[in-house]
Each structure stands twice: as structure tokens, then as C-alpha cells.
Amino acid sequence: MRFQEIFNEYRDQVQFLNIYIQEAHPIDGWWLGLRLTKKPVLAYAPRVSMDYYDPTDLDERRAVAGDCINALAYAIPTLVDGMDNQVNKAYAAWPTRLYLVGLDGRVVYAGMAPYHYKPAEFKAAIETYLAAVVER
């Protein structure tokens, strides 16, 4: 199940935001690019370019984020974390996290990549949360 499918199903009931944070695998960091290994390191590597330097300003970060969203074919609203990485720090978001935040501001569900990034589990958490909200 793709995250985009969950968005399509629940977009009228849940506000979705994709927040692009600090580049996880820049060339000048912990790089997993195809030029180095000559083969995909991760399952999604053929669809997402990992051949970027870590952006040094917000315009560069926005450009890389745009390329990522295009490669993943996301229609999910996307914001870009500032160069101070405040969202990343507040949510311990690196490299990838899924959060469901309730109406009261509390985290209802948290999953992280690569081992706990489970869109189907996230979908179940949405269903459980929505059912509980309706019962109130």
C-alpha cells in the first residue's frame, strides 16, 4: 500500500502534510547513490534520485524537495523544513517518520523508516482514531 493511496482515501477526513526535512543521503554525507554502488541500495532507489549534495540554503532544499515529490508522484501537500531544521528536531523526523497527530495535539501514531514505516499500519491507526472521534 502506498502512502498516496491512504491520502486519497482519507483526505476529506484528515489533514495530511508531507514535510521535507534535511536530505537523508546527500553526496556529501551518508550517500547511497547509484553512482557509488552501481545498483539500487534501497527498494525505492530507482524512483528517487539520491544524487544531491546537502542543500546549503532554503531555495536548494525546496528544489530537491520538488524533485523528490515529482519522483514519488505525490499529490500530498508538501512543506519544507527551514534550514534551522526545527520540524526535524521537534519530531525526530530524520530520515523518515509517519505521524498521526490528534485534534488535541498529541501524537496518536508514530512510525519510522525503514523498519517501522508501515503505511498499512498507519491507515489502521487513522481508522481507529476516526472511529474514536465519532464515538465522542
C-alpha atoms as a PDB file:
ATOM      1  CA  MET A   1       0.000   0.000   0.000  1.00  0.00           C
ATOM      2  CA  ARG A   2       1.333   3.405  -0.975  1.00  0.00           C
ATOM      3  CA  PHE A   3       1.015   6.441   1.230  1.00  0.00           C
ATOM      4  CA  GLN A   4      -0.633   8.236  -1.697  1.00  0.00           C
ATOM      5  CA  GLU A   5      -3.494   5.701  -1.576  1.00  0.00           C
ATOM      6  CA  ILE A   6      -4.095   6.476   2.104  1.00  0.00           C
ATOM      7  CA  PHE A   7      -4.120  10.169   1.309  1.00  0.00           C
ATOM      8  CA  ASN A   8      -6.631   9.646  -1.489  1.00  0.00           C
ATOM      9  CA  GLU A   9      -8.934   7.665   0.811  1.00  0.00           C
ATOM     10  CA  TYR A  10      -8.825   9.920   3.888  1.00  0.00           C
ATOM     11  CA  ARG A  11      -8.020  13.389   2.550  1.00  0.00           C
ATOM     12  CA  ASP A  12     -11.532  14.636   3.356  1.00  0.00           C
ATOM     13  CA  GLN A  13     -11.311  13.469   6.977  1.00  0.00           C
ATOM     14  CA  VAL A  14      -7.661  14.001   7.893  1.00  0.00           C
ATOM     15  CA  GLN A  15      -5.301  16.869   7.133  1.00  0.00           C
ATOM     16  CA  PHE A  16      -2.179  15.440   5.500  1.00  0.00           C
ATOM     17  CA  LEU A  17       1.131  17.250   5.342  1.00  0.00           C
ATOM     18  CA  ASN A  18       4.335  15.919   3.887  1.00  0.00           C
ATOM     19  CA  ILE A  19       7.272  17.814   5.346  1.00  0.00           C
ATOM     20  CA  TYR A  20      10.538  17.594   3.502  1.00  0.00           C
ATOM     21  CA  ILE A  21      13.377  17.753   6.016  1.00  0.00           C
ATOM     22  CA  GLN A  22      17.154  17.602   5.812  1.00  0.00           C
ATOM     23  CA  GLU A  23      18.400  15.395   2.984  1.00  0.00           C
ATOM     24  CA  ALA A  24      18.940  11.883   4.384  1.00  0.00           C
ATOM     25  CA  HIS A  25      21.581  10.650   1.937  1.00  0.00           C
ATOM     26  CA  PRO A  26      23.421  13.558   0.318  1.00  0.00           C
ATOM     27  CA  ILE A  27      26.535  13.023  -1.779  1.00  0.00           C
ATOM     28  CA  ASP A  28      28.495  14.972   0.827  1.00  0.00           C
ATOM     29  CA  GLY A  29      27.059  12.930   3.695  1.00  0.00           C
ATOM     30  CA  TRP A  30      25.848   9.372   4.152  1.00  0.00           C
ATOM     31  CA  TRP A  31      25.465   8.797   0.431  1.00  0.00           C
ATOM     32  CA  LEU A  32      23.745   5.719  -1.011  1.00  0.00           C
ATOM     33  CA  GLY A  33      23.653   6.903  -4.613  1.00  0.00           C
ATOM     34  CA  LEU A  34      23.649   4.639  -7.622  1.00  0.00           C
ATOM     35  CA  ARG A  35      26.914   6.001  -8.993  1.00  0.00           C
ATOM     36  CA  LEU A  36      28.743   4.625  -5.971  1.00  0.00           C
ATOM     37  CA  THR A  37      27.136   1.193  -5.683  1.00  0.00           C
ATOM     38  CA  LYS A  38      26.169   0.639  -9.348  1.00  0.00           C
ATOM     39  CA  LYS A  39      22.938  -0.953  -8.112  1.00  0.00           C
ATOM     40  CA  PRO A  40      19.911   0.177  -6.089  1.00  0.00           C
ATOM     41  CA  VAL A  41      20.625   0.083  -2.371  1.00  0.00           C
ATOM     42  CA  LEU A  42      17.038   0.633  -1.306  1.00  0.00           C
ATOM     43  CA  ALA A  43      13.810  -0.668  -2.774  1.00  0.00           C
ATOM     44  CA  TYR A  44      12.745   2.824  -3.881  1.00  0.00           C
ATOM     45  CA  ALA A  45      16.147   3.877  -5.240  1.00  0.00           C
ATOM     46  CA  PRO A  46      15.190   3.575  -8.937  1.00  0.00           C
ATOM     47  CA  ARG A  47      12.340   6.072  -8.444  1.00  0.00           C
ATOM     48  CA  VAL A  48      14.050   8.605  -6.207  1.00  0.00           C
ATOM     49  CA  SER A  49      17.324  10.198  -7.114  1.00  0.00           C
ATOM     50  CA  MET A  50      19.839  10.179  -4.316  1.00  0.00           C
ATOM     51  CA  ASP A  51      22.474  12.142  -6.177  1.00  0.00           C
ATOM     52  CA  TYR A  52      22.151  15.505  -4.413  1.00  0.00           C
ATOM     53  CA  TYR A  53      24.503  17.479  -2.243  1.00  0.00           C
ATOM     54  CA  ASP A  54      23.076  18.588   1.084  1.00  0.00           C
ATOM     55  CA  PRO A  55      21.311  21.876   0.325  1.00  0.00           C
ATOM     56  CA  THR A  56      23.000  24.939   1.785  1.00  0.00           C
ATOM     57  CA  ASP A  57      20.017  27.278   1.575  1.00  0.00           C
ATOM     58  CA  LEU A  58      16.233  27.097   1.511  1.00  0.00           C
ATOM     59  CA  ASP A  59      15.947  27.540  -2.274  1.00  0.00           C
ATOM     60  CA  GLU A  60      18.187  24.499  -2.832  1.00  0.00           C
ATOM     61  CA  ARG A  61      16.211  22.479  -0.264  1.00  0.00           C
ATOM     62  CA  ARG A  62      12.950  23.417  -1.990  1.00  0.00           C
ATOM     63  CA  ALA A  63      14.352  22.326  -5.357  1.00  0.00           C
ATOM     64  CA  VAL A  64      15.447  18.922  -4.025  1.00  0.00           C
ATOM     65  CA  ALA A  65      12.098  18.514  -2.262  1.00  0.00           C
ATOM     66  CA  GLY A  66      10.293  19.251  -5.524  1.00  0.00           C
ATOM     67  CA  ASP A  67      12.335  16.644  -7.367  1.00  0.00           C
ATOM     68  CA  CYS A  68      11.576  14.096  -4.645  1.00  0.00           C
ATOM     69  CA  ILE A  69       7.837  14.781  -4.705  1.00  0.00           C
ATOM     70  CA  ASN A  70       7.799  14.537  -8.501  1.00  0.00           C
ATOM     71  CA  ALA A  71       9.737  11.254  -8.453  1.00  0.00           C
ATOM     72  CA  LEU A  72       7.355   9.770  -5.881  1.00  0.00           C
ATOM     73  CA  ALA A  73       4.330  11.135  -7.763  1.00  0.00           C
ATOM     74  CA  TYR A  74       2.865  12.598  -4.559  1.00  0.00           C
ATOM     75  CA  ALA A  75      -0.169  14.835  -4.641  1.00  0.00           C
ATOM     76  CA  ILE A  76       0.094  15.322  -0.894  1.00  0.00           C
ATOM     77  CA  PRO A  77       0.581  18.927   0.231  1.00  0.00           C
ATOM     78  CA  THR A  78       4.281  19.369   0.969  1.00  0.00           C
ATOM     79  CA  LEU A  79       6.069  21.875   3.151  1.00  0.00           C
ATOM     80  CA  VAL A  80       9.818  22.266   3.501  1.00  0.00           C
ATOM     81  CA  ASP A  81      11.525  22.428   6.889  1.00  0.00           C
ATOM     82  CA  GLY A  82      13.643  25.537   7.366  1.00  0.00           C
ATOM     83  CA  MET A  83      17.406  25.433   7.370  1.00  0.00           C
ATOM     84  CA  ASP A  84      17.276  25.511  11.188  1.00  0.00           C
ATOM     85  CA  ASN A  85      15.652  22.029  10.956  1.00  0.00           C
ATOM     86  CA  GLN A  86      13.112  22.855  13.665  1.00  0.00           C
ATOM     87  CA  VAL A  87      10.487  20.355  12.446  1.00  0.00           C
ATOM     88  CA  ASN A  88      13.119  17.649  12.130  1.00  0.00           C
ATOM     89  CA  LYS A  89      14.309  18.361  15.675  1.00  0.00           C
ATOM     90  CA  ALA A  90      10.825  18.615  17.188  1.00  0.00           C
ATOM     91  CA  TYR A  91       9.631  15.322  15.693  1.00  0.00           C
ATOM     92  CA  ALA A  92      12.928  13.401  15.466  1.00  0.00           C
ATOM     93  CA  ALA A  93      11.960  13.078  11.817  1.00  0.00           C
ATOM     94  CA  TRP A  94      15.228  12.007  10.190  1.00  0.00           C
ATOM     95  CA  PRO A  95      15.294  10.026   7.956  1.00  0.00           C
ATOM     96  CA  THR A  96      11.557   9.334   7.598  1.00  0.00           C
ATOM     97  CA  ARG A  97       8.655   9.304  10.019  1.00  0.00           C
ATOM     98  CA  LEU A  98       4.919   8.885   9.816  1.00  0.00           C
ATOM     99  CA  TYR A  99       2.949  10.721  12.485  1.00  0.00           C
ATOM    100  CA  LEU A 100      -0.743  10.882  13.184  1.00  0.00           C
ATOM    101  CA  VAL A 101      -1.446  13.839  15.443  1.00  0.00           C
ATOM    102  CA  GLY A 102      -4.832  14.019  17.117  1.00  0.00           C
ATOM    103  CA  LEU A 103      -7.061  17.064  17.358  1.00  0.00           C
ATOM    104  CA  ASP A 104      -5.689  17.621  20.866  1.00  0.00           C
ATOM    105  CA  GLY A 105      -2.133  17.898  19.501  1.00  0.00           C
ATOM    106  CA  ARG A 106      -0.980  14.557  20.900  1.00  0.00           C
ATOM    107  CA  VAL A 107       0.836  12.018  18.761  1.00  0.00           C
ATOM    108  CA  VAL A 108      -1.553   9.104  18.174  1.00  0.00           C
ATOM    109  CA  TYR A 109       0.763   7.071  15.965  1.00  0.00           C
ATOM    110  CA  ALA A 110       4.471   7.224  15.154  1.00  0.00           C
ATOM    111  CA  GLY A 111       6.385   5.048  12.719  1.00  0.00           C
ATOM    112  CA  MET A 112       9.871   5.436  11.346  1.00  0.00           C
ATOM    113  CA  ALA A 113      11.789   4.161   8.350  1.00  0.00           C
ATOM    114  CA  PRO A 114      12.988   1.797   7.349  1.00  0.00           C
ATOM    115  CA  TYR A 115      11.692  -0.809   9.804  1.00  0.00           C
ATOM    116  CA  HIS A 116       8.573   0.817  11.193  1.00  0.00           C
ATOM    117  CA  TYR A 117       7.445   2.758   8.133  1.00  0.00           C
ATOM    118  CA  LYS A 118       4.290   0.776   7.557  1.00  0.00           C
ATOM    119  CA  PRO A 119       1.613   2.625   5.604  1.00  0.00           C
ATOM    120  CA  ALA A 120      -0.969  -0.128   6.240  1.00  0.00           C
ATOM    121  CA  GLU A 121      -0.402   0.208   9.989  1.00  0.00           C
ATOM    122  CA  PHE A 122      -0.713   3.977   9.660  1.00  0.00           C
ATOM    123  CA  LYS A 123      -4.007   3.523   7.815  1.00  0.00           C
ATOM    124  CA  ALA A 124      -5.302   1.292  10.622  1.00  0.00           C
ATOM    125  CA  ALA A 125      -4.331   3.969  13.161  1.00  0.00           C
ATOM    126  CA  ILE A 126      -6.314   6.562  11.178  1.00  0.00           C
ATOM    127  CA  GLU A 127      -9.352   4.278  11.104  1.00  0.00           C
ATOM    128  CA  THR A 128      -9.120   3.609  14.856  1.00  0.00           C
ATOM    129  CA  TYR A 129      -8.703   7.291  15.635  1.00  0.00           C
ATOM    130  CA  LEU A 130     -11.586   8.386  13.411  1.00  0.00           C
ATOM    131  CA  ALA A 131     -13.859   5.749  14.963  1.00  0.00           C
ATOM    132  CA  ALA A 132     -12.959   7.003  18.459  1.00  0.00           C
ATOM    133  CA  VAL A 133     -13.588  10.628  17.491  1.00  0.00           C
ATOM    134  CA  VAL A 134     -17.026   9.726  16.080  1.00  0.00           C
ATOM    135  CA  GLU A 135     -17.939   7.903  19.322  1.00  0.00           C
ATOM    136  CA  ARG A 136     -17.347  11.042  21.433  1.00  0.00           C
END
